[in-house]
Protein backbone atom coordinates (compact mmCIF):
# COMPACT_ATOMS: atom_id res chain seq x y z
CA MET A 1 10.23 34.01 -64.89
CA LYS A 2 10.43 36.63 -62.29
CA ASN A 3 6.87 37.90 -62.95
CA SER A 4 5.78 34.33 -62.85
CA PHE A 5 7.32 34.03 -59.33
CA VAL A 6 5.86 37.26 -58.01
CA LEU A 7 2.47 36.08 -59.08
CA ILE A 8 2.84 32.91 -57.22
CA LEU A 9 4.06 34.51 -54.27
CA ILE A 10 1.06 36.83 -54.36
CA ALA A 11 -1.19 33.85 -54.53
CA ILE A 12 0.33 32.08 -51.57
CA THR A 13 0.01 35.26 -49.62
CA LEU A 14 -3.49 35.72 -50.41
CA LEU A 15 -4.19 31.95 -49.59
CA TYR A 16 -2.48 32.21 -46.36
CA SER A 17 -4.33 35.46 -45.39
CA CYS A 18 -7.72 33.58 -46.29
CA ASN A 19 -6.97 30.81 -44.10
CA SER A 20 -5.72 32.86 -41.41
CA ASN A 21 -8.83 34.75 -41.31
CA GLN A 22 -10.85 31.79 -41.40
CA SER A 23 -9.03 30.47 -38.59
CA THR A 24 -9.49 33.48 -36.56
CA LYS A 25 -13.16 33.27 -37.09
CA GLU A 26 -13.46 29.64 -36.15
CA SER A 27 -11.33 30.45 -33.02
CA SER A 28 -13.47 33.41 -32.06
CA THR A 29 -16.60 31.10 -32.56
CA GLU A 30 -15.23 28.48 -30.30
CA LEU A 31 -14.19 30.86 -27.53
CA ALA A 32 -17.56 32.42 -27.57
CA GLU A 33 -19.21 28.78 -27.26
CA ILE A 34 -16.87 27.87 -24.40
CA SER A 35 -17.58 31.38 -22.68
CA GLU A 36 -21.46 30.72 -22.95
CA SER A 37 -21.03 27.00 -21.91
CA GLU A 38 -19.37 28.00 -18.78
CA THR A 39 -21.86 30.39 -17.36
CA MET A 40 -21.77 30.29 -13.73
CA LEU A 41 -24.73 30.60 -11.07
CA ARG A 42 -24.22 31.74 -7.59
CA LEU A 43 -26.40 33.02 -4.64
CA GLU A 44 -25.77 36.24 -3.04
CA LYS A 45 -27.31 37.04 0.21
CA ILE A 46 -29.56 40.13 0.37
CA TRP A 47 -31.42 40.09 3.70
CA GLU A 48 -32.44 37.99 6.47
CA THR A 49 -35.54 38.39 8.80
CA ASP A 50 -35.56 38.77 12.55
CA THR A 51 -35.55 35.63 14.46
CA LEU A 52 -39.40 35.78 15.16
CA LEU A 53 -40.42 33.14 12.59
CA THR A 54 -40.20 30.37 14.91
CA THR A 55 -39.30 27.25 13.15
CA SER A 56 -39.92 28.54 9.93
CA GLU A 57 -40.76 25.78 7.39
CA SER A 58 -42.25 27.06 4.24
CA VAL A 59 -42.49 30.20 2.06
CA PHE A 60 -44.97 31.05 -0.34
CA TYR A 61 -45.21 34.14 -2.69
CA ASN A 62 -48.64 35.83 -3.30
CA VAL A 63 -47.86 37.55 -6.49
CA ASN A 64 -51.06 39.64 -6.40
CA ALA A 65 -50.40 40.98 -2.94
CA ASP A 66 -46.61 41.08 -3.61
CA LEU A 67 -45.82 39.62 -0.30
CA LEU A 68 -44.66 36.09 1.19
CA TYR A 69 -46.49 33.82 3.54
CA VAL A 70 -44.11 31.80 6.00
CA SER A 71 -45.45 28.85 7.82
CA ASN A 72 -44.20 28.55 11.36
CA ILE A 73 -44.23 25.22 13.30
CA ASN A 74 -43.47 26.89 16.55
CA GLY A 75 -42.41 23.59 18.13
CA GLN A 76 -41.90 20.12 17.06
CA PRO A 77 -42.75 18.97 13.33
CA LEU A 78 -45.47 16.28 14.46
CA GLU A 79 -46.58 17.73 17.66
CA LYS A 80 -50.38 18.80 17.78
CA ASP A 81 -49.89 21.73 20.09
CA GLY A 82 -51.93 24.41 18.59
CA ASN A 83 -48.78 26.63 18.71
CA GLY A 84 -48.30 26.93 14.62
CA PHE A 85 -48.86 30.19 12.80
CA ILE A 86 -48.60 31.96 9.56
CA ALA A 87 -46.75 35.21 9.20
CA GLN A 88 -46.61 37.75 6.50
CA VAL A 89 -43.27 39.19 5.32
CA ASP A 90 -42.56 41.79 2.65
CA LEU A 91 -39.82 41.44 -0.11
CA ASP A 92 -37.51 43.52 1.84
CA GLY A 93 -37.56 41.17 4.72
CA ASN A 94 -39.80 42.95 7.10
CA ILE A 95 -42.24 40.99 9.03
CA ILE A 96 -45.53 42.64 8.41
CA ASN A 97 -47.74 40.51 10.54
CA GLN A 98 -46.12 37.84 12.78
CA ASN A 99 -49.41 36.12 13.82
CA TRP A 100 -51.47 36.71 10.77
CA VAL A 101 -53.22 33.22 10.91
CA VAL A 102 -52.88 31.26 14.25
CA GLY A 103 -54.60 27.97 15.93
CA LEU A 104 -52.38 25.50 13.55
CA ASP A 105 -50.22 22.70 14.93
CA ALA A 106 -47.23 22.27 12.73
CA PRO A 107 -48.00 24.02 9.38
CA LYS A 108 -45.87 23.26 6.36
CA GLY A 109 -46.29 23.31 2.72
CA MET A 110 -48.63 26.11 1.12
CA GLY A 111 -50.69 26.46 -2.06
CA LEU A 112 -52.95 29.51 -3.33
CA LEU A 113 -56.07 29.07 -5.38
CA GLY A 114 -58.03 32.20 -5.91
CA ASP A 115 -58.51 33.82 -2.37
CA LYS A 116 -57.87 30.32 -0.57
CA LEU A 117 -54.56 29.56 0.94
CA TYR A 118 -54.22 25.69 1.68
CA ILE A 119 -51.82 24.49 4.15
CA THR A 120 -50.79 21.13 5.29
CA ASP A 121 -50.90 20.45 9.03
CA ILE A 122 -49.60 17.10 10.27
CA SER A 123 -52.83 15.14 9.31
CA GLN A 124 -55.27 17.75 7.94
CA LEU A 125 -55.48 19.94 4.87
CA VAL A 126 -56.34 23.49 5.99
CA GLU A 127 -58.15 26.16 3.97
CA ILE A 128 -57.64 29.88 5.02
CA ASP A 129 -59.59 32.74 3.40
CA ILE A 130 -56.86 35.40 2.78
CA ASN A 131 -59.15 38.30 2.82
CA SER A 132 -60.52 37.60 6.49
CA ALA A 133 -57.29 35.55 7.50
CA GLN A 134 -59.69 32.95 9.03
CA ILE A 135 -59.55 29.27 8.79
CA THR A 136 -62.59 28.39 6.56
CA ASN A 137 -62.24 24.46 6.22
CA ARG A 138 -60.22 21.50 7.51
CA TRP A 139 -59.97 18.02 5.95
CA GLU A 140 -58.66 15.31 8.22
CA VAL A 141 -56.84 12.84 5.87
CA GLU A 142 -57.41 9.20 6.87
CA GLY A 143 -54.04 7.57 7.90
CA ALA A 144 -52.08 10.58 7.34
CA LYS A 145 -48.84 10.87 9.24
CA PHE A 146 -46.75 13.75 7.95
CA LEU A 147 -48.47 15.87 5.50
CA ASN A 148 -45.89 18.19 3.89
CA ASP A 149 -45.87 20.16 0.50
CA ILE A 150 -48.53 21.35 -1.78
CA THR A 151 -48.96 22.22 -5.28
CA ILE A 152 -52.11 23.22 -7.38
CA ASP A 153 -52.59 22.47 -11.02
CA GLU A 154 -54.51 24.52 -13.82
CA ALA A 155 -57.68 22.74 -13.10
CA GLY A 156 -57.69 23.63 -9.41
CA THR A 157 -56.70 20.28 -8.03
CA VAL A 158 -54.81 20.63 -4.99
CA TYR A 159 -51.95 18.00 -4.57
CA PHE A 160 -50.19 17.20 -1.23
CA SER A 161 -47.42 14.95 -0.01
CA ASP A 162 -47.36 12.68 2.94
CA SER A 163 -43.96 12.23 3.83
CA GLY A 164 -44.85 9.55 6.49
CA THR A 165 -46.77 7.15 4.47
CA ASN A 166 -45.53 7.31 0.78
CA LYS A 167 -48.46 8.78 -0.69
CA ILE A 168 -49.52 11.90 -2.48
CA HIS A 169 -53.05 12.90 -2.06
CA GLN A 170 -55.45 15.28 -3.89
CA LEU A 171 -58.32 17.73 -3.02
CA MET A 172 -60.73 17.59 -6.11
CA ASN A 173 -64.35 19.10 -5.87
CA GLY A 174 -63.89 19.23 -2.08
CA VAL A 175 -62.97 15.50 -1.57
CA VAL A 176 -59.74 14.29 -0.49
CA SER A 177 -58.34 10.95 -2.19
CA THR A 178 -54.97 9.34 -2.68
CA TYR A 179 -53.47 10.23 -6.13
CA LEU A 180 -50.54 8.01 -6.06
CA GLU A 181 -48.63 5.80 -3.35
CA GLY A 182 -45.80 3.31 -3.22
CA SER A 183 -42.28 2.66 -1.99
CA SER A 184 -40.87 4.51 -4.93
CA LEU A 185 -41.99 7.66 -3.74
CA ALA A 186 -39.54 7.18 -0.65
CA SER A 187 -40.97 10.09 1.77
CA PRO A 188 -42.22 12.32 -1.02
CA ASN A 189 -41.80 15.97 0.12
CA GLY A 190 -41.45 18.93 -2.34
CA LEU A 191 -44.23 19.46 -5.17
CA LEU A 192 -44.19 21.58 -8.17
CA ASN A 193 -47.02 21.38 -10.68
CA GLU A 194 -46.01 21.62 -14.43
CA LYS A 195 -48.29 21.00 -17.49
CA GLY A 196 -48.50 17.29 -17.70
CA ARG A 197 -46.34 16.43 -14.65
CA ILE A 198 -45.74 17.17 -11.03
CA MET A 199 -42.03 17.60 -9.99
CA LEU A 200 -41.03 15.90 -6.92
CA THR A 201 -38.22 15.88 -4.23
CA THR A 202 -38.06 12.89 -1.79
CA MET A 203 -36.39 12.71 1.58
CA GLY A 204 -36.01 8.88 1.93
CA GLY A 205 -34.98 8.41 -1.81
CA ARG A 206 -32.72 11.52 -1.70
CA ASN A 207 -33.70 12.19 -5.26
CA PHE A 208 -35.60 14.47 -7.69
CA GLY A 209 -37.86 13.61 -10.67
CA TYR A 210 -41.46 13.96 -11.86
CA ILE A 211 -44.89 12.14 -11.80
CA ASP A 212 -46.11 11.72 -15.36
CA LYS A 213 -49.69 12.73 -15.11
CA GLY A 214 -50.57 10.58 -18.21
CA ILE A 215 -49.50 7.22 -16.48
CA VAL A 216 -49.34 8.45 -12.84
CA GLU A 217 -45.88 7.10 -12.46
CA TYR A 218 -42.75 8.66 -10.77
CA LYS A 219 -39.69 8.90 -12.79
CA VAL A 220 -36.49 9.68 -11.00
CA LYS A 221 -34.03 12.17 -12.95
CA THR A 222 -31.57 13.27 -10.50
CA ASP A 223 -30.09 11.46 -7.41
CA SER A 224 -27.97 12.28 -4.32
CA ILE A 225 -29.83 15.50 -3.49
CA GLY A 226 -29.89 14.89 0.39
CA ASP A 227 -33.00 15.38 2.25
CA GLY A 228 -35.06 16.62 -0.70
CA ASP A 229 -37.36 19.38 0.49
CA GLY A 230 -38.34 22.28 -1.65
CA VAL A 231 -38.63 22.61 -5.44
CA VAL A 232 -39.15 25.84 -7.73
CA ALA A 233 -38.87 26.59 -11.26
CA ASP A 234 -36.14 29.35 -12.05
CA GLY A 235 -38.11 30.55 -15.14
CA ASP A 236 -35.63 29.25 -17.73
CA GLY A 237 -36.79 25.66 -17.70
CA HIS A 238 -34.35 24.69 -14.81
CA TYR A 239 -34.96 24.12 -11.11
CA LEU A 240 -33.80 25.10 -7.72
CA ILE A 241 -34.22 22.49 -4.96
CA SER A 242 -33.48 22.63 -1.32
CA ASP A 243 -31.85 19.69 0.91
CA TRP A 244 -33.50 20.29 4.51
CA SER A 245 -29.90 19.77 6.12
CA GLY A 246 -28.48 22.79 4.49
CA GLU A 247 -27.83 22.96 0.80
CA ILE A 248 -29.41 24.43 -2.29
CA PHE A 249 -29.14 22.79 -5.91
CA HIS A 250 -29.68 24.08 -9.38
CA ILE A 251 -30.96 21.36 -11.60
CA ASN A 252 -30.74 21.60 -15.45
CA GLY A 253 -33.86 21.02 -16.91
CA GLU A 254 -32.44 19.31 -20.02
CA THR A 255 -29.58 17.25 -18.72
CA TRP A 256 -30.79 16.66 -15.13
CA GLU A 257 -27.40 17.60 -13.90
CA LYS A 258 -27.01 19.11 -10.42
CA THR A 259 -24.94 22.14 -9.23
CA SER A 260 -24.40 23.00 -5.69
CA LEU A 261 -25.24 26.67 -5.14
CA LEU A 262 -25.00 27.04 -1.30
CA LYS A 263 -24.14 24.80 1.58
CA THR A 264 -25.07 25.99 5.21
CA LYS A 265 -25.12 22.47 6.76
CA GLN A 266 -21.76 22.99 8.29
CA ASP A 267 -23.22 25.74 10.26
CA THR A 268 -26.09 23.65 11.30
CA ILE A 269 -28.28 26.04 9.21
CA GLN A 270 -31.23 24.23 7.44
CA SER A 271 -32.83 25.01 4.16
CA ALA A 272 -36.56 23.93 4.18
CA ASP A 273 -39.30 24.65 1.67
CA ILE A 274 -37.90 27.39 -0.60
CA GLU A 275 -39.68 29.93 -3.00
CA PHE A 276 -38.43 31.65 -5.74
CA VAL A 277 -39.65 35.00 -7.43
CA VAL A 278 -38.46 35.12 -11.18
CA LYS A 279 -39.14 38.89 -11.77
CA SER A 280 -36.58 39.70 -9.13
CA GLN A 281 -34.42 36.54 -9.07
CA LEU A 282 -34.85 36.20 -5.43
CA LEU A 283 -34.74 32.95 -3.59
CA PHE A 284 -36.16 32.79 -0.15
CA VAL A 285 -34.99 30.00 2.22
CA PRO A 286 -36.58 29.13 5.59
CA THR A 287 -33.99 28.33 8.00
CA PHE A 288 -36.20 26.04 10.23
CA PHE A 289 -34.56 25.99 13.76
CA LYS A 290 -32.74 29.10 13.00
CA ASN A 291 -36.06 30.79 13.00
CA THR A 292 -35.62 33.19 9.92
CA VAL A 293 -36.12 33.55 6.35
CA VAL A 294 -32.99 34.49 4.07
CA ALA A 295 -33.29 36.02 0.84
CA TYR A 296 -30.53 35.36 -1.87
CA ARG A 297 -30.21 36.79 -5.43
CA LEU A 298 -29.71 34.38 -8.10
CA ILE A 299 -26.65 35.76 -10.04
CA GLU A 300 -25.67 34.52 -13.64
CA GLU A 301 -21.85 35.19 -14.36
């Protein structure tokens, strides 16, 4: 009887030990999943340029030259005064050439195709040869009021928004035409080409979504983003977008949930048309009326 009792006690002990180990494994797995799901993102300021970038509106990264182009309105956003210019800035925040290209009015969004840099300028699309730093073409867009951002697709079509007329235009084979228009665009601004769609931020609608190229229709995915300005991909299937009045959001590309990463509006510091370099995880934010570009590193914790 005693031996039977001992055997039963040993069996119970072994069973408890197995259940305890299994419970520990399950707890460890659960903790790992929770830890992973609670990964946090933040922006750490790295540098800020000198205040020579007058009314800095947009930043564009030339991967081949490893430098930044910055469009400078140098006046009012809709004033045709000839004061606008494009500056070159290195990735350490040094202004290499303040007046790299001059003779513009109020330059805003930019896009690069080969050795041609395309820039919106109120009612014109402007082409610049980056080798000679000369303006090589201008297209006056009929009825345009506030040409804003630019993106270029794999076929070389240049898309650009008009925040003043609820239109998105395209330059294809040297000819400008309207790609999409309608009140649903609600002052379209930031554009980002992706395969099969164009990501879009709106100023009037204060939302973010994409234009399905297959049916040429805008689909809203995230709302309440403020004065939607720039949009960039973070390299992991997600997005960073800017609210012109002074806020940066991270948008999850699967759930479309937004997270605020930076707020400068309380200090009246704008965040206009942003740029992001994946390899260095650097986000470049033009501060508009504060006349600088600020670099932040995106850090995952």
